[in-house]
Amino acid sequence: MRTEPKHVKLREMSVRNAIKRGGVAVAVLLFAVPAFSQSCALCYTQAAASGARFIAALRNGILVLVIPPMFMSVGITWLAYRKRNQFRQVGGELDEDRESFDE
């Protein structure tokens, strides 16, 4: 019986994980499309019946409501990425597990 080296098994696992993550991302994007098409009927009729000035104000209001949370999310993600190793245990379980993968 032939056994494969650990690095080959780890590479296969990482490829499988990447395929699974890609599949989940595609599924989320496909199922989110119908959610984008839903809207309030009253909002739609009000926007359709209004003038150009109101439509411009509505677009600006949407940007004001979308952009700050987006930047906050990006900032929190950036901080988490930057500080990801700050609380790693030295000589603890995490380092021992990492060494077992490096063999």
N, C-alpha and C. Protein backbone atom coordinates (compact mmCIF):
# COMPACT_ATOMS: atom_id res chain seq x y z
N MET A 1 0.85 -1.19 0.00
CA MET A 1 0.00 0.00 0.00
C MET A 1 0.89 1.24 0.00
N ARG A 2 0.58 2.15 -0.89
CA ARG A 2 1.38 3.35 -1.05
C ARG A 2 0.70 4.52 -0.35
N THR A 3 1.45 5.23 0.46
CA THR A 3 0.90 6.41 1.13
C THR A 3 1.51 7.66 0.51
N GLU A 4 0.70 8.68 0.41
CA GLU A 4 1.16 9.94 -0.16
C GLU A 4 1.76 10.80 0.94
N PRO A 5 2.71 11.66 0.58
CA PRO A 5 3.27 12.59 1.58
C PRO A 5 2.20 13.55 2.08
N LYS A 6 2.46 14.10 3.26
CA LYS A 6 1.47 15.01 3.87
C LYS A 6 1.23 16.25 3.02
N HIS A 7 2.27 16.78 2.38
CA HIS A 7 2.08 18.01 1.61
C HIS A 7 1.17 17.78 0.41
N VAL A 8 1.16 16.58 -0.15
CA VAL A 8 0.26 16.27 -1.27
C VAL A 8 -1.18 16.23 -0.77
N LYS A 9 -1.38 15.60 0.39
CA LYS A 9 -2.73 15.53 0.96
C LYS A 9 -3.24 16.93 1.31
N LEU A 10 -2.36 17.75 1.88
CA LEU A 10 -2.76 19.11 2.24
C LEU A 10 -3.10 19.93 0.99
N ARG A 11 -2.36 19.75 -0.08
CA ARG A 11 -2.63 20.47 -1.32
C ARG A 11 -3.99 20.05 -1.88
N GLU A 12 -4.28 18.74 -1.85
CA GLU A 12 -5.57 18.26 -2.33
C GLU A 12 -6.71 18.81 -1.49
N MET A 13 -6.49 18.87 -0.17
CA MET A 13 -7.52 19.41 0.71
C MET A 13 -7.75 20.90 0.42
N SER A 14 -6.66 21.64 0.17
CA SER A 14 -6.82 23.07 -0.09
C SER A 14 -7.54 23.30 -1.42
N VAL A 15 -7.28 22.44 -2.41
CA VAL A 15 -7.99 22.57 -3.69
C VAL A 15 -9.47 22.27 -3.50
N ARG A 16 -9.77 21.23 -2.73
CA ARG A 16 -11.18 20.90 -2.46
C ARG A 16 -11.86 22.04 -1.72
N ASN A 17 -11.17 22.62 -0.73
CA ASN A 17 -11.75 23.74 0.02
C ASN A 17 -11.99 24.93 -0.90
N ALA A 18 -11.06 25.19 -1.81
CA ALA A 18 -11.24 26.31 -2.73
C ALA A 18 -12.43 26.08 -3.65
N ILE A 19 -12.61 24.85 -4.12
CA ILE A 19 -13.75 24.54 -4.97
C ILE A 19 -15.05 24.69 -4.20
N LYS A 20 -15.07 24.22 -2.95
CA LYS A 20 -16.27 24.35 -2.13
C LYS A 20 -16.60 25.82 -1.88
N ARG A 21 -15.59 26.61 -1.55
CA ARG A 21 -15.82 28.04 -1.30
C ARG A 21 -16.30 28.75 -2.55
N GLY A 22 -15.73 28.39 -3.68
CA GLY A 22 -16.17 28.99 -4.94
C GLY A 22 -17.62 28.63 -5.24
N GLY A 23 -17.99 27.39 -4.98
CA GLY A 23 -19.38 26.96 -5.19
C GLY A 23 -20.34 27.70 -4.30
N VAL A 24 -19.94 27.90 -3.05
CA VAL A 24 -20.79 28.63 -2.11
C VAL A 24 -20.93 30.08 -2.56
N ALA A 25 -19.84 30.69 -3.02
CA ALA A 25 -19.89 32.08 -3.47
C ALA A 25 -20.81 32.22 -4.69
N VAL A 26 -20.72 31.29 -5.62
CA VAL A 26 -21.58 31.34 -6.80
C VAL A 26 -23.05 31.16 -6.40
N ALA A 27 -23.31 30.23 -5.48
CA ALA A 27 -24.68 30.00 -5.02
C ALA A 27 -25.25 31.25 -4.35
N VAL A 28 -24.44 31.89 -3.51
CA VAL A 28 -24.91 33.10 -2.83
C VAL A 28 -25.23 34.20 -3.84
N LEU A 29 -24.36 34.36 -4.82
CA LEU A 29 -24.60 35.39 -5.83
C LEU A 29 -25.84 35.09 -6.67
N LEU A 30 -26.05 33.82 -7.01
CA LEU A 30 -27.21 33.47 -7.82
C LEU A 30 -28.52 33.62 -7.05
N PHE A 31 -28.50 33.26 -5.77
CA PHE A 31 -29.72 33.38 -4.98
C PHE A 31 -29.98 34.81 -4.54
N ALA A 32 -28.98 35.68 -4.60
CA ALA A 32 -29.16 37.08 -4.22
C ALA A 32 -29.81 37.90 -5.32
N VAL A 33 -29.73 37.42 -6.57
CA VAL A 33 -30.28 38.18 -7.70
C VAL A 33 -31.78 38.46 -7.52
N PRO A 34 -32.61 37.47 -7.14
CA PRO A 34 -34.03 37.79 -6.94
C PRO A 34 -34.26 38.81 -5.82
N ALA A 35 -33.39 38.85 -4.85
CA ALA A 35 -33.55 39.81 -3.75
C ALA A 35 -33.35 41.24 -4.25
N PHE A 36 -32.48 41.42 -5.24
CA PHE A 36 -32.26 42.76 -5.77
C PHE A 36 -33.47 43.28 -6.54
N SER A 37 -34.25 42.39 -7.10
CA SER A 37 -35.39 42.83 -7.90
C SER A 37 -36.62 43.17 -7.06
N GLN A 38 -36.59 42.83 -5.78
CA GLN A 38 -37.72 43.15 -4.92
C GLN A 38 -37.65 44.61 -4.50
N SER A 39 -38.78 45.26 -4.53
CA SER A 39 -38.82 46.64 -4.07
C SER A 39 -40.23 46.96 -3.59
N CYS A 40 -40.32 48.00 -2.85
CA CYS A 40 -41.59 48.44 -2.32
C CYS A 40 -42.40 49.08 -3.46
N ALA A 41 -43.63 48.66 -3.62
CA ALA A 41 -44.46 49.19 -4.71
C ALA A 41 -44.71 50.69 -4.52
N LEU A 42 -44.89 51.12 -3.30
CA LEU A 42 -45.13 52.53 -3.04
C LEU A 42 -43.89 53.36 -3.39
N CYS A 43 -42.72 52.87 -3.02
CA CYS A 43 -41.48 53.59 -3.35
C CYS A 43 -41.30 53.67 -4.86
N TYR A 44 -41.60 52.57 -5.55
CA TYR A 44 -41.44 52.54 -7.00
C TYR A 44 -42.37 53.55 -7.67
N THR A 45 -43.65 53.59 -7.24
CA THR A 45 -44.60 54.51 -7.86
C THR A 45 -44.25 55.96 -7.55
N GLN A 46 -43.79 56.22 -6.33
CA GLN A 46 -43.40 57.59 -5.96
C GLN A 46 -42.21 58.05 -6.78
N ALA A 47 -41.22 57.17 -6.95
CA ALA A 47 -40.03 57.54 -7.72
C ALA A 47 -40.37 57.71 -9.19
N ALA A 48 -41.25 56.88 -9.72
CA ALA A 48 -41.61 56.97 -11.14
C ALA A 48 -42.43 58.22 -11.42
N ALA A 49 -43.24 58.66 -10.46
CA ALA A 49 -44.10 59.82 -10.67
C ALA A 49 -43.40 61.14 -10.36
N SER A 50 -42.24 61.09 -9.79
CA SER A 50 -41.56 62.32 -9.38
C SER A 50 -40.71 62.90 -10.50
N GLY A 51 -40.20 64.06 -10.24
CA GLY A 51 -39.38 64.75 -11.23
C GLY A 51 -37.91 64.35 -11.14
N ALA A 52 -37.13 64.97 -12.00
CA ALA A 52 -35.70 64.65 -12.09
C ALA A 52 -34.96 65.04 -10.81
N ARG A 53 -35.41 66.13 -10.19
CA ARG A 53 -34.74 66.59 -8.97
C ARG A 53 -34.92 65.60 -7.83
N PHE A 54 -36.12 65.05 -7.71
CA PHE A 54 -36.40 64.07 -6.66
C PHE A 54 -35.61 62.79 -6.90
N ILE A 55 -35.50 62.37 -8.15
CA ILE A 55 -34.75 61.15 -8.48
C ILE A 55 -33.27 61.34 -8.14
N ALA A 56 -32.72 62.52 -8.43
CA ALA A 56 -31.32 62.80 -8.08
C ALA A 56 -31.13 62.78 -6.56
N ALA A 57 -32.08 63.35 -5.83
CA ALA A 57 -32.00 63.33 -4.37
C ALA A 57 -32.10 61.91 -3.83
N LEU A 58 -32.95 61.10 -4.44
CA LEU A 58 -33.10 59.72 -4.03
C LEU A 58 -31.81 58.93 -4.26
N ARG A 59 -31.18 59.14 -5.39
CA ARG A 59 -29.90 58.47 -5.68
C ARG A 59 -28.83 58.89 -4.69
N ASN A 60 -28.77 60.20 -4.37
CA ASN A 60 -27.79 60.67 -3.38
C ASN A 60 -28.08 60.08 -2.01
N GLY A 61 -29.34 59.97 -1.67
CA GLY A 61 -29.69 59.37 -0.37
C GLY A 61 -29.29 57.91 -0.29
N ILE A 62 -29.45 57.19 -1.38
CA ILE A 62 -29.03 55.78 -1.40
C ILE A 62 -27.52 55.69 -1.21
N LEU A 63 -26.77 56.55 -1.88
CA LEU A 63 -25.32 56.54 -1.71
C LEU A 63 -24.92 56.87 -0.28
N VAL A 64 -25.60 57.83 0.32
CA VAL A 64 -25.30 58.20 1.71
C VAL A 64 -25.57 57.02 2.65
N LEU A 65 -26.58 56.23 2.36
CA LEU A 65 -26.90 55.10 3.22
C LEU A 65 -26.03 53.86 2.95
N VAL A 66 -25.43 53.75 1.78
CA VAL A 66 -24.65 52.57 1.43
C VAL A 66 -23.16 52.76 1.70
N ILE A 67 -22.61 53.90 1.36
CA ILE A 67 -21.15 54.07 1.40
C ILE A 67 -20.56 54.01 2.82
N PRO A 68 -21.08 54.69 3.83
CA PRO A 68 -20.45 54.60 5.15
C PRO A 68 -20.39 53.18 5.73
N PRO A 69 -21.47 52.37 5.67
CA PRO A 69 -21.33 51.00 6.18
C PRO A 69 -20.32 50.17 5.38
N MET A 70 -20.23 50.44 4.09
CA MET A 70 -19.26 49.71 3.27
C MET A 70 -17.84 50.03 3.72
N PHE A 71 -17.53 51.30 3.93
CA PHE A 71 -16.20 51.66 4.39
C PHE A 71 -15.93 51.13 5.80
N MET A 72 -16.95 51.12 6.65
CA MET A 72 -16.76 50.57 7.99
C MET A 72 -16.46 49.07 7.91
N SER A 73 -17.14 48.35 7.05
CA SER A 73 -16.88 46.92 6.89
C SER A 73 -15.48 46.67 6.37
N VAL A 74 -15.07 47.44 5.39
CA VAL A 74 -13.72 47.30 4.84
C VAL A 74 -12.68 47.63 5.92
N GLY A 75 -12.92 48.66 6.70
CA GLY A 75 -11.98 49.03 7.76
C GLY A 75 -11.86 47.96 8.83
N ILE A 76 -12.97 47.39 9.25
CA ILE A 76 -12.93 46.33 10.26
C ILE A 76 -12.23 45.11 9.71
N THR A 77 -12.48 44.76 8.46
CA THR A 77 -11.81 43.62 7.84
C THR A 77 -10.32 43.87 7.74
N TRP A 78 -9.93 45.07 7.36
CA TRP A 78 -8.51 45.41 7.26
C TRP A 78 -7.84 45.34 8.63
N LEU A 79 -8.49 45.86 9.67
CA LEU A 79 -7.92 45.78 11.01
C LEU A 79 -7.79 44.34 11.50
N ALA A 80 -8.80 43.52 11.24
CA ALA A 80 -8.73 42.12 11.64
C ALA A 80 -7.60 41.41 10.92
N TYR A 81 -7.40 41.71 9.65
CA TYR A 81 -6.32 41.09 8.88
C TYR A 81 -4.97 41.54 9.42
N ARG A 82 -4.87 42.81 9.73
CA ARG A 82 -3.60 43.36 10.22
C ARG A 82 -3.23 42.84 11.60
N LYS A 83 -4.22 42.62 12.44
CA LYS A 83 -3.97 42.18 13.81
C LYS A 83 -4.17 40.67 13.98
N ARG A 84 -4.21 39.91 12.92
CA ARG A 84 -4.56 38.49 12.99
C ARG A 84 -3.59 37.66 13.82
N ASN A 85 -2.34 38.05 13.91
CA ASN A 85 -1.35 37.26 14.65
C ASN A 85 -1.02 37.84 16.02
N GLN A 86 -1.69 38.86 16.43
CA GLN A 86 -1.37 39.54 17.67
C GLN A 86 -1.63 38.67 18.89
N PHE A 87 -2.65 37.82 18.86
CA PHE A 87 -3.03 37.05 20.03
C PHE A 87 -2.64 35.59 19.91
N ARG A 88 -1.72 35.24 19.03
CA ARG A 88 -1.28 33.87 18.87
C ARG A 88 -0.55 33.42 20.14
N GLN A 89 -0.84 32.22 20.59
CA GLN A 89 -0.20 31.68 21.78
C GLN A 89 1.20 31.21 21.42
N VAL A 90 2.17 31.62 22.21
CA VAL A 90 3.54 31.19 21.99
C VAL A 90 3.75 29.91 22.78
N GLY A 91 4.12 28.84 22.09
CA GLY A 91 4.36 27.56 22.77
C GLY A 91 3.08 26.84 23.14
N GLY A 92 1.94 27.34 22.71
CA GLY A 92 0.67 26.72 23.05
C GLY A 92 0.20 25.77 21.97
N GLU A 93 -1.07 25.47 22.01
CA GLU A 93 -1.65 24.51 21.07
C GLU A 93 -1.51 24.96 19.62
N LEU A 94 -1.66 26.26 19.38
CA LEU A 94 -1.62 26.73 18.00
C LEU A 94 -0.27 26.50 17.36
N ASP A 95 0.82 26.75 18.11
CA ASP A 95 2.14 26.53 17.55
C ASP A 95 2.41 25.06 17.33
N GLU A 96 1.96 24.18 18.22
CA GLU A 96 2.17 22.75 18.06
C GLU A 96 1.41 22.24 16.85
N ASP A 97 0.19 22.70 16.65
CA ASP A 97 -0.58 22.28 15.49
C ASP A 97 0.09 22.73 14.19
N ARG A 98 0.62 23.95 14.19
CA ARG A 98 1.26 24.47 13.00
C ARG A 98 2.50 23.65 12.68
N GLU A 99 3.26 23.24 13.68
CA GLU A 99 4.46 22.45 13.43
C GLU A 99 4.11 21.09 12.85
N SER A 100 3.00 20.51 13.24
CA SER A 100 2.62 19.21 12.71
C SER A 100 2.28 19.30 11.22
N PHE A 101 1.81 20.45 10.75
CA PHE A 101 1.52 20.63 9.33
C PHE A 101 2.79 20.85 8.53
N ASP A 102 3.83 21.40 9.16
CA ASP A 102 5.06 21.71 8.45
C ASP A 102 5.91 20.49 8.19
N GLU A 103 5.64 19.37 8.81
CA GLU A 103 6.49 18.19 8.67
C GLU A 103 6.49 17.62 7.28
